[in-house]
Every structure is written in structure tokens, then in C-alpha cells.
N, C-alpha and C. Protein backbone atom coordinates (compact mmCIF):
# COMPACT_ATOMS: atom_id res chain seq x y z
N MET A 1 131.00 82.87 132.07
CA MET A 1 130.09 81.74 132.19
C MET A 1 129.94 81.38 133.65
N THR A 2 129.97 82.30 134.49
CA THR A 2 129.90 82.12 135.94
C THR A 2 130.95 81.12 136.41
N GLU A 3 130.65 80.41 137.48
CA GLU A 3 131.57 79.46 138.09
C GLU A 3 131.82 78.25 137.20
N LEU A 4 130.93 77.97 136.30
CA LEU A 4 131.05 76.74 135.52
C LEU A 4 132.37 76.64 134.76
N PHE A 5 132.74 77.69 134.07
CA PHE A 5 133.95 77.64 133.25
C PHE A 5 134.80 78.89 133.43
N GLY A 6 134.74 79.50 134.59
CA GLY A 6 135.57 80.66 134.86
C GLY A 6 135.08 81.91 134.16
N PRO A 7 136.00 82.71 133.64
CA PRO A 7 135.64 84.02 133.11
C PRO A 7 135.14 84.03 131.66
N VAL A 8 134.61 82.93 131.17
CA VAL A 8 134.12 82.86 129.79
C VAL A 8 132.81 83.65 129.68
N ALA A 9 132.74 84.55 128.71
CA ALA A 9 131.53 85.36 128.51
C ALA A 9 130.38 84.47 128.03
N TRP A 10 129.21 84.69 128.60
CA TRP A 10 128.02 83.94 128.21
C TRP A 10 126.85 84.88 128.05
N PRO A 11 126.02 84.73 127.06
CA PRO A 11 126.12 83.74 125.99
C PRO A 11 127.06 84.22 124.89
N PRO A 12 127.62 83.27 124.17
CA PRO A 12 128.44 83.65 123.02
C PRO A 12 127.53 84.03 121.85
N ALA A 13 128.11 84.58 120.82
CA ALA A 13 127.36 84.81 119.58
C ALA A 13 126.91 83.44 119.08
N PRO A 14 125.81 83.39 118.34
CA PRO A 14 125.39 82.10 117.78
C PRO A 14 126.53 81.45 116.99
N ILE A 15 126.64 80.14 117.14
CA ILE A 15 127.65 79.36 116.45
C ILE A 15 127.00 78.76 115.21
N ARG A 16 127.57 79.03 114.06
CA ARG A 16 126.99 78.55 112.81
C ARG A 16 127.86 77.44 112.21
N THR A 17 127.18 76.39 111.76
CA THR A 17 127.85 75.32 111.04
C THR A 17 127.28 75.35 109.62
N GLU A 18 127.63 74.35 108.84
CA GLU A 18 127.13 74.30 107.47
C GLU A 18 125.59 74.30 107.42
N ARG A 19 124.96 73.57 108.36
CA ARG A 19 123.50 73.43 108.31
C ARG A 19 122.78 73.94 109.54
N LEU A 20 123.50 74.19 110.63
CA LEU A 20 122.86 74.43 111.92
C LEU A 20 123.31 75.73 112.57
N VAL A 21 122.53 76.15 113.56
CA VAL A 21 122.91 77.27 114.41
C VAL A 21 122.80 76.80 115.86
N LEU A 22 123.83 77.05 116.64
CA LEU A 22 123.79 76.78 118.09
C LEU A 22 123.59 78.13 118.75
N ARG A 23 122.53 78.23 119.56
CA ARG A 23 122.15 79.51 120.15
C ARG A 23 121.51 79.28 121.50
N VAL A 24 121.22 80.38 122.20
CA VAL A 24 120.52 80.28 123.49
C VAL A 24 119.04 80.01 123.23
N PRO A 25 118.35 79.41 124.20
CA PRO A 25 116.92 79.14 124.06
C PRO A 25 116.10 80.43 123.94
N GLU A 26 115.00 80.32 123.22
CA GLU A 26 114.05 81.43 123.05
C GLU A 26 112.64 80.90 123.32
N ALA A 27 111.70 81.80 123.47
CA ALA A 27 110.31 81.41 123.76
C ALA A 27 109.77 80.44 122.71
N ARG A 28 110.15 80.62 121.47
CA ARG A 28 109.66 79.75 120.38
C ARG A 28 110.12 78.30 120.53
N ASP A 29 111.07 78.03 121.42
CA ASP A 29 111.60 76.68 121.61
C ASP A 29 110.85 75.86 122.65
N ARG A 30 109.94 76.49 123.37
CA ARG A 30 109.30 75.82 124.51
C ARG A 30 108.64 74.49 124.11
N ALA A 31 107.86 74.49 123.05
CA ALA A 31 107.17 73.26 122.63
C ALA A 31 108.17 72.16 122.28
N SER A 32 109.28 72.52 121.68
CA SER A 32 110.31 71.52 121.34
C SER A 32 110.97 70.97 122.60
N PHE A 33 111.18 71.83 123.62
CA PHE A 33 111.73 71.34 124.88
C PHE A 33 110.77 70.34 125.52
N VAL A 34 109.49 70.65 125.51
CA VAL A 34 108.50 69.72 126.08
C VAL A 34 108.56 68.39 125.34
N GLU A 35 108.58 68.46 124.02
CA GLU A 35 108.64 67.24 123.20
C GLU A 35 109.91 66.45 123.49
N LEU A 36 111.03 67.13 123.59
CA LEU A 36 112.32 66.49 123.85
C LEU A 36 112.34 65.79 125.20
N LEU A 37 111.87 66.46 126.23
CA LEU A 37 111.91 65.92 127.59
C LEU A 37 110.83 64.86 127.85
N ALA A 38 109.77 64.86 127.04
CA ALA A 38 108.68 63.89 127.21
C ALA A 38 108.82 62.67 126.29
N SER A 39 109.83 62.67 125.44
CA SER A 39 109.99 61.59 124.46
C SER A 39 110.55 60.32 125.09
N SER A 40 109.81 59.24 124.97
CA SER A 40 110.31 57.96 125.48
C SER A 40 111.50 57.47 124.64
N GLU A 41 111.52 57.79 123.34
CA GLU A 41 112.64 57.39 122.49
C GLU A 41 113.93 58.10 122.92
N VAL A 42 113.83 59.41 123.15
CA VAL A 42 115.00 60.20 123.55
C VAL A 42 115.54 59.72 124.89
N HIS A 43 114.65 59.33 125.79
CA HIS A 43 115.05 59.00 127.15
C HIS A 43 115.18 57.50 127.42
N THR A 44 115.33 56.70 126.36
CA THR A 44 115.50 55.26 126.50
C THR A 44 116.66 54.93 127.44
N TYR A 45 117.77 55.66 127.32
CA TYR A 45 118.96 55.37 128.13
C TYR A 45 119.19 56.41 129.23
N LEU A 46 118.16 57.21 129.50
CA LEU A 46 118.31 58.31 130.46
C LEU A 46 117.29 58.24 131.59
N GLY A 47 116.82 57.05 131.91
CA GLY A 47 115.91 56.92 133.04
C GLY A 47 114.44 57.13 132.72
N GLY A 48 114.11 57.31 131.48
CA GLY A 48 112.71 57.46 131.08
C GLY A 48 112.30 58.92 130.93
N PRO A 49 111.21 59.13 130.19
CA PRO A 49 110.74 60.49 129.92
C PRO A 49 110.03 61.11 131.12
N ARG A 50 109.87 62.41 131.08
CA ARG A 50 109.08 63.15 132.07
C ARG A 50 107.64 63.22 131.55
N PRO A 51 106.65 63.23 132.43
CA PRO A 51 105.26 63.35 131.97
C PRO A 51 105.02 64.70 131.29
N ARG A 52 104.41 64.65 130.11
CA ARG A 52 104.15 65.86 129.32
C ARG A 52 103.34 66.89 130.10
N ASP A 53 102.33 66.46 130.85
CA ASP A 53 101.49 67.42 131.58
C ASP A 53 102.30 68.16 132.65
N GLU A 54 103.23 67.46 133.31
CA GLU A 54 104.11 68.12 134.28
C GLU A 54 105.00 69.15 133.60
N LEU A 55 105.57 68.77 132.47
CA LEU A 55 106.45 69.67 131.73
C LEU A 55 105.69 70.92 131.29
N GLU A 56 104.47 70.74 130.81
CA GLU A 56 103.66 71.89 130.37
C GLU A 56 103.46 72.88 131.51
N LEU A 57 103.30 72.37 132.73
CA LEU A 57 103.10 73.24 133.89
C LEU A 57 104.41 73.85 134.39
N GLU A 58 105.50 73.08 134.34
CA GLU A 58 106.75 73.50 134.96
C GLU A 58 107.65 74.37 134.09
N LEU A 59 107.71 74.10 132.80
CA LEU A 59 108.66 74.83 131.96
C LEU A 59 108.22 76.28 131.79
N PRO A 60 109.15 77.21 131.99
CA PRO A 60 108.81 78.62 131.81
C PRO A 60 108.53 78.94 130.34
N GLU A 61 107.89 80.06 130.09
CA GLU A 61 107.60 80.47 128.71
C GLU A 61 108.87 80.58 127.88
N VAL A 62 109.92 81.13 128.49
CA VAL A 62 111.22 81.17 127.83
C VAL A 62 112.09 80.16 128.57
N PRO A 63 112.44 79.06 127.90
CA PRO A 63 113.27 78.05 128.56
C PRO A 63 114.53 78.68 129.16
N GLU A 64 114.97 78.11 130.26
CA GLU A 64 116.12 78.66 130.99
C GLU A 64 117.36 78.76 130.10
N ARG A 65 118.08 79.85 130.31
CA ARG A 65 119.30 80.11 129.56
C ARG A 65 120.48 79.98 130.50
N TRP A 66 120.89 78.76 130.79
CA TRP A 66 122.01 78.60 131.70
C TRP A 66 123.30 78.44 130.89
N PRO A 67 124.40 78.91 131.46
CA PRO A 67 125.68 78.82 130.77
C PRO A 67 126.00 77.39 130.34
N GLY A 68 126.42 77.27 129.09
CA GLY A 68 126.79 75.97 128.56
C GLY A 68 125.67 75.24 127.85
N SER A 69 124.47 75.82 127.81
CA SER A 69 123.33 75.15 127.17
C SER A 69 123.01 75.82 125.84
N PHE A 70 123.08 75.03 124.79
CA PHE A 70 122.80 75.51 123.44
C PHE A 70 121.57 74.81 122.86
N VAL A 71 120.72 75.56 122.19
CA VAL A 71 119.68 74.99 121.35
C VAL A 71 120.33 74.70 120.00
N VAL A 72 120.01 73.55 119.42
CA VAL A 72 120.45 73.24 118.06
C VAL A 72 119.29 73.57 117.14
N ASP A 73 119.52 74.51 116.25
CA ASP A 73 118.48 75.09 115.40
C ASP A 73 118.74 74.68 113.95
N LEU A 74 117.72 74.12 113.31
CA LEU A 74 117.77 73.78 111.89
C LEU A 74 116.67 74.57 111.20
N ASP A 75 117.04 75.48 110.34
CA ASP A 75 116.07 76.29 109.59
C ASP A 75 115.07 76.99 110.50
N GLY A 76 115.55 77.51 111.63
CA GLY A 76 114.70 78.27 112.54
C GLY A 76 113.90 77.45 113.52
N VAL A 77 114.13 76.13 113.55
CA VAL A 77 113.37 75.24 114.44
C VAL A 77 114.35 74.44 115.31
N MET A 78 114.04 74.37 116.61
CA MET A 78 114.87 73.59 117.53
C MET A 78 114.73 72.10 117.23
N ILE A 79 115.89 71.43 117.06
CA ILE A 79 115.87 69.97 116.85
C ILE A 79 116.59 69.24 117.97
N GLY A 80 117.27 70.00 118.85
CA GLY A 80 118.02 69.35 119.92
C GLY A 80 118.64 70.35 120.86
N GLN A 81 119.38 69.81 121.82
CA GLN A 81 120.05 70.62 122.82
C GLN A 81 121.42 70.01 123.10
N ILE A 82 122.41 70.88 123.26
CA ILE A 82 123.75 70.48 123.66
C ILE A 82 124.06 71.19 124.96
N GLN A 83 124.70 70.47 125.87
CA GLN A 83 125.10 71.07 127.14
C GLN A 83 126.58 70.79 127.39
N LEU A 84 127.25 71.81 127.82
CA LEU A 84 128.61 71.69 128.33
C LEU A 84 128.55 72.21 129.75
N ARG A 85 128.84 71.35 130.72
CA ARG A 85 128.76 71.73 132.13
C ARG A 85 129.80 70.94 132.92
N ARG A 86 129.99 71.32 134.14
CA ARG A 86 130.93 70.58 134.99
C ARG A 86 130.30 69.22 135.31
N ALA A 87 131.11 68.18 135.25
CA ALA A 87 130.62 66.83 135.53
C ALA A 87 130.06 66.77 136.94
N SER A 88 128.93 66.11 137.07
CA SER A 88 128.26 65.96 138.35
C SER A 88 129.07 65.08 139.28
N GLU A 89 128.71 65.13 140.54
CA GLU A 89 129.42 64.36 141.56
C GLU A 89 129.22 62.85 141.39
N TYR A 90 128.19 62.42 140.66
CA TYR A 90 127.96 60.98 140.50
C TYR A 90 129.03 60.31 139.65
N HIS A 91 129.77 61.12 138.90
CA HIS A 91 130.77 60.54 138.01
C HIS A 91 131.94 59.95 138.77
N ARG A 92 132.70 59.21 138.06
CA ARG A 92 133.90 58.58 138.58
C ARG A 92 134.96 59.65 138.85
N PRO A 93 135.96 59.31 139.66
CA PRO A 93 137.03 60.28 139.95
C PRO A 93 137.69 60.84 138.69
N ALA A 94 137.79 60.05 137.64
CA ALA A 94 138.43 60.52 136.40
C ALA A 94 137.69 61.69 135.77
N ALA A 95 136.40 61.85 136.08
CA ALA A 95 135.60 62.91 135.48
C ALA A 95 135.38 64.10 136.40
N ALA A 96 135.71 63.97 137.65
CA ALA A 96 135.37 64.99 138.64
C ALA A 96 135.80 66.38 138.19
N ARG A 97 134.83 67.26 138.18
CA ARG A 97 134.99 68.69 137.89
C ARG A 97 135.47 69.00 136.49
N LYS A 98 135.52 68.02 135.61
CA LYS A 98 135.86 68.30 134.21
C LYS A 98 134.60 68.75 133.48
N ALA A 99 134.79 69.39 132.36
CA ALA A 99 133.66 69.75 131.51
C ALA A 99 133.05 68.47 130.96
N GLU A 100 131.73 68.41 130.91
CA GLU A 100 131.02 67.23 130.40
C GLU A 100 130.12 67.64 129.25
N LEU A 101 130.17 66.88 128.17
CA LEU A 101 129.31 67.11 127.02
C LEU A 101 128.07 66.23 127.14
N GLY A 102 126.90 66.84 126.96
CA GLY A 102 125.63 66.12 126.91
C GLY A 102 124.84 66.61 125.72
N TYR A 103 123.96 65.76 125.20
CA TYR A 103 123.17 66.15 124.03
C TYR A 103 121.88 65.35 123.99
N LEU A 104 120.85 65.99 123.49
CA LEU A 104 119.55 65.35 123.26
C LEU A 104 119.04 65.86 121.92
N PHE A 105 118.53 64.96 121.09
CA PHE A 105 117.97 65.36 119.81
C PHE A 105 116.61 64.70 119.62
N LEU A 106 115.70 65.43 119.00
CA LEU A 106 114.39 64.88 118.70
C LEU A 106 114.54 63.72 117.72
N PRO A 107 113.76 62.66 117.87
CA PRO A 107 113.91 61.50 116.98
C PRO A 107 113.85 61.84 115.49
N ARG A 108 113.06 62.82 115.12
CA ARG A 108 112.97 63.17 113.70
C ARG A 108 114.29 63.74 113.15
N ALA A 109 115.22 64.10 114.05
CA ALA A 109 116.51 64.65 113.63
C ALA A 109 117.62 63.59 113.66
N TRP A 110 117.29 62.36 114.03
CA TRP A 110 118.29 61.31 114.11
C TRP A 110 118.67 60.82 112.71
N GLY A 111 119.92 60.44 112.56
CA GLY A 111 120.36 59.80 111.32
C GLY A 111 120.81 60.75 110.23
N PHE A 112 120.91 62.04 110.50
CA PHE A 112 121.32 63.02 109.50
C PHE A 112 122.68 63.65 109.79
N GLY A 113 123.33 63.22 110.87
CA GLY A 113 124.63 63.79 111.22
C GLY A 113 124.56 65.10 111.99
N TYR A 114 123.36 65.51 112.40
CA TYR A 114 123.23 66.78 113.12
C TYR A 114 123.93 66.75 114.48
N ALA A 115 123.85 65.63 115.17
CA ALA A 115 124.49 65.54 116.49
C ALA A 115 126.00 65.69 116.34
N ALA A 116 126.60 64.99 115.40
CA ALA A 116 128.05 65.09 115.20
C ALA A 116 128.44 66.51 114.80
N GLU A 117 127.71 67.09 113.89
CA GLU A 117 128.02 68.44 113.40
C GLU A 117 127.92 69.48 114.52
N SER A 118 126.85 69.42 115.28
CA SER A 118 126.64 70.43 116.32
C SER A 118 127.53 70.20 117.54
N CYS A 119 127.74 68.95 117.93
CA CYS A 119 128.64 68.67 119.06
C CYS A 119 130.07 69.07 118.72
N ALA A 120 130.51 68.80 117.49
CA ALA A 120 131.85 69.21 117.07
C ALA A 120 131.99 70.73 117.13
N ALA A 121 130.96 71.45 116.70
CA ALA A 121 131.00 72.92 116.74
C ALA A 121 131.04 73.42 118.18
N ALA A 122 130.26 72.81 119.07
CA ALA A 122 130.26 73.21 120.48
C ALA A 122 131.62 72.92 121.11
N LEU A 123 132.21 71.78 120.79
CA LEU A 123 133.53 71.44 121.33
C LEU A 123 134.60 72.39 120.78
N ASP A 124 134.51 72.75 119.51
CA ASP A 124 135.46 73.72 118.94
C ASP A 124 135.35 75.06 119.66
N TRP A 125 134.10 75.51 119.89
CA TRP A 125 133.90 76.76 120.63
C TRP A 125 134.53 76.65 122.03
N PHE A 126 134.22 75.55 122.73
CA PHE A 126 134.70 75.36 124.09
C PHE A 126 136.23 75.39 124.12
N HIS A 127 136.85 74.67 123.20
CA HIS A 127 138.31 74.60 123.19
C HIS A 127 138.92 75.93 122.73
N GLY A 128 138.13 76.74 122.03
CA GLY A 128 138.61 78.08 121.67
C GLY A 128 138.64 79.02 122.87
N VAL A 129 137.69 78.87 123.78
CA VAL A 129 137.65 79.75 124.96
C VAL A 129 138.41 79.17 126.14
N LEU A 130 138.57 77.86 126.18
CA LEU A 130 139.34 77.21 127.26
C LEU A 130 140.29 76.18 126.65
N PRO A 131 141.32 76.67 125.95
CA PRO A 131 142.24 75.75 125.27
C PRO A 131 142.89 74.76 126.24
N GLY A 132 142.96 73.53 125.78
CA GLY A 132 143.64 72.50 126.56
C GLY A 132 142.79 71.82 127.61
N GLU A 133 141.58 72.33 127.88
CA GLU A 133 140.76 71.71 128.93
C GLU A 133 140.08 70.45 128.39
N PRO A 134 140.23 69.33 129.10
CA PRO A 134 139.59 68.09 128.64
C PRO A 134 138.07 68.13 128.84
N VAL A 135 137.38 67.33 128.06
CA VAL A 135 135.93 67.19 128.15
C VAL A 135 135.62 65.71 128.29
N VAL A 136 134.67 65.38 129.17
CA VAL A 136 134.26 64.00 129.34
C VAL A 136 132.86 63.79 128.77
N LEU A 137 132.55 62.55 128.52
CA LEU A 137 131.24 62.16 128.02
C LEU A 137 130.92 60.80 128.63
N ALA A 138 129.73 60.66 129.20
CA ALA A 138 129.31 59.38 129.78
C ALA A 138 128.05 58.92 129.07
N THR A 139 127.98 57.63 128.80
CA THR A 139 126.80 57.07 128.16
C THR A 139 126.68 55.59 128.53
N GLN A 140 125.50 55.05 128.35
CA GLN A 140 125.34 53.61 128.55
C GLN A 140 126.00 52.88 127.38
N THR A 141 126.64 51.78 127.67
CA THR A 141 127.26 51.01 126.59
C THR A 141 126.21 50.47 125.62
N ALA A 142 124.99 50.29 126.08
CA ALA A 142 123.91 49.81 125.20
C ALA A 142 123.46 50.87 124.20
N ASN A 143 123.81 52.12 124.43
CA ASN A 143 123.41 53.20 123.53
C ASN A 143 124.44 53.27 122.39
N VAL A 144 124.23 52.42 121.42
CA VAL A 144 125.17 52.25 120.31
C VAL A 144 125.39 53.57 119.56
N GLY A 145 124.33 54.31 119.32
CA GLY A 145 124.46 55.58 118.60
C GLY A 145 125.34 56.57 119.35
N SER A 146 125.16 56.65 120.64
CA SER A 146 125.97 57.55 121.45
C SER A 146 127.42 57.09 121.52
N MET A 147 127.63 55.80 121.58
CA MET A 147 128.99 55.27 121.58
C MET A 147 129.69 55.60 120.25
N ARG A 148 128.98 55.47 119.13
CA ARG A 148 129.55 55.81 117.82
C ARG A 148 129.89 57.30 117.75
N LEU A 149 128.96 58.14 118.25
CA LEU A 149 129.18 59.58 118.22
C LEU A 149 130.40 59.95 119.06
N ALA A 150 130.54 59.36 120.23
CA ALA A 150 131.69 59.64 121.10
C ALA A 150 133.00 59.34 120.36
N ALA A 151 133.05 58.21 119.67
CA ALA A 151 134.26 57.84 118.92
C ALA A 151 134.51 58.83 117.79
N LYS A 152 133.45 59.19 117.07
CA LYS A 152 133.58 60.13 115.96
C LYS A 152 134.09 61.49 116.42
N LEU A 153 133.69 61.90 117.62
CA LEU A 153 134.10 63.19 118.17
C LEU A 153 135.49 63.17 118.80
N GLY A 154 136.11 61.98 118.87
CA GLY A 154 137.46 61.89 119.39
C GLY A 154 137.57 61.57 120.87
N PHE A 155 136.49 61.07 121.48
CA PHE A 155 136.55 60.66 122.88
C PHE A 155 137.16 59.26 122.95
N THR A 156 138.03 59.06 123.92
CA THR A 156 138.62 57.74 124.12
C THR A 156 138.23 57.24 125.50
N GLU A 157 138.08 55.94 125.59
CA GLU A 157 137.61 55.33 126.82
C GLU A 157 138.57 55.56 127.98
N VAL A 158 137.97 55.97 129.11
CA VAL A 158 138.72 56.11 130.36
C VAL A 158 138.39 54.91 131.24
N GLU A 159 137.11 54.58 131.29
CA GLU A 159 136.71 53.41 132.07
C GLU A 159 135.26 53.03 131.77
N ARG A 160 134.94 51.82 132.19
CA ARG A 160 133.56 51.33 132.17
C ARG A 160 133.19 51.03 133.61
N PHE A 161 131.92 51.24 133.91
CA PHE A 161 131.45 51.01 135.28
C PHE A 161 129.96 50.72 135.25
N ARG A 162 129.43 50.32 136.36
CA ARG A 162 128.01 49.99 136.46
C ARG A 162 127.34 51.05 137.33
N ALA A 163 126.25 51.63 136.83
CA ALA A 163 125.46 52.61 137.57
C ALA A 163 124.04 52.60 137.02
N TRP A 164 123.09 52.92 137.85
CA TRP A 164 121.68 52.97 137.46
C TRP A 164 121.24 51.67 136.77
N ASP A 165 121.73 50.54 137.29
CA ASP A 165 121.40 49.22 136.78
C ASP A 165 121.76 49.02 135.31
N ALA A 166 122.81 49.69 134.87
CA ALA A 166 123.25 49.54 133.47
C ALA A 166 124.76 49.73 133.39
N ASP A 167 125.35 49.12 132.36
CA ASP A 167 126.77 49.30 132.11
C ASP A 167 126.99 50.67 131.48
N GLN A 168 127.95 51.42 132.02
CA GLN A 168 128.24 52.79 131.58
C GLN A 168 129.63 52.87 130.97
N TRP A 169 129.81 53.86 130.13
CA TRP A 169 131.09 54.13 129.48
C TRP A 169 131.46 55.58 129.76
N LEU A 170 132.70 55.82 130.12
CA LEU A 170 133.19 57.18 130.33
C LEU A 170 134.36 57.40 129.39
N GLY A 171 134.23 58.44 128.57
CA GLY A 171 135.29 58.79 127.64
C GLY A 171 135.78 60.20 127.89
N MET A 172 136.97 60.48 127.39
CA MET A 172 137.54 61.81 127.54
C MET A 172 138.13 62.26 126.22
N ARG A 173 138.03 63.56 125.98
CA ARG A 173 138.62 64.18 124.79
C ARG A 173 139.54 65.28 125.28
N VAL A 174 140.80 65.12 124.98
CA VAL A 174 141.79 66.14 125.34
C VAL A 174 142.21 66.81 124.05
N PRO A 175 141.96 68.10 123.94
CA PRO A 175 142.29 68.78 122.67
C PRO A 175 143.79 68.87 122.46
N VAL A 176 144.17 68.86 121.21
CA VAL A 176 145.56 69.05 120.84
C VAL A 176 145.81 70.54 120.85
N THR A 177 146.81 70.96 121.56
CA THR A 177 147.16 72.39 121.60
C THR A 177 148.49 72.58 120.91
N SER A 178 148.59 73.69 120.22
CA SER A 178 149.85 73.97 119.53
C SER A 178 150.91 74.36 120.54
N SER A 179 152.15 74.10 120.22
CA SER A 179 153.24 74.39 121.15
C SER A 179 153.96 75.67 120.76
N ASN A 180 153.26 76.54 120.05
CA ASN A 180 153.88 77.81 119.62
C ASN A 180 154.06 78.73 120.79
């Protein structure tokens, strides 16, 4: 997976859950990426949407396949994206250089448990290839759905802070490793 996570092979085989497939982006996902990035609902807590006309011009025919980025596929159609990447420099010292979980889902996919199911599968994969490595997650405290998801996935609060004119929450998930 290049420098991001050391010698982890990328891309992995598609990850299958009961209802979903996590896979690399394909050309058929382009319209869903545009919809996802242009959605004002999706970007309520993320600084606002990108203009659709800009996205139509900028996004390549085959969306970028960078290590740690999964398309969430339901019945052959992209409904969201999960990213595992190194935490950016804007984060607090507690998050520096740790793996960070991010996710975006189309509004029509909200409320069905797809985010929890797919994020849990991505975290299981991650902890399978890098056992014991902690993962962080940052969200606005006002994003109640994201706060609930973080708790459901086993993230515990590290700190709260103010950034981008909003109260932020930083959580961490440290996997349990066997002592065999």
C-alpha cells in the first residue's frame, strides 16, 4: 500500500459482507462520485459540497484508485466510499501519523446500517493486515449520526477541540490482539 501503510499489498481482493462489497473504484462509479461530492446533505459537516460542473470536468473517467480507498457497492451500484489513510497534519498530536477512517455515503443509503457494516469490514481487513495498529476518527460533535457510528464501531474519545469554526471530536480504536 505504498508509504501509507508499509508493505500491505494494494488493492486487496474485494471484501464481502452480508449485503455489500468493498472494492476499488471503476469507471461505472464516476456518476456516483460526482453525486457524492456535490451533495449538500453529505457535506453538511465537511465544509460544503463541490460544484457539480467542476466535478464533471475534473473527475477522471475512472475515479482514482489510491491505497486505502474503497467503493461501497450494493447490488452492483456504488452507495458510498470508505477511506483508510494516514491522519493529516491538521489533526491533534494524539492522531499524528495514525491510520484514519473516513466515510461518505449517498443520502439514499442512510439509515440502513450500510455505514456500520462496511466500516466494520474495512476495519477488520485493516487490523488483519496491520494487527495492533490503532485507527482514529474525527468528526464534528454536531454530526450525531457520525458520533453514533464511531461509538458503534468501538472508537473511544481521545479529545474534543475546536477547528473550522465547529466543535470537533477525536476518537481512537485500538484493536484487541491475542497474546498467543
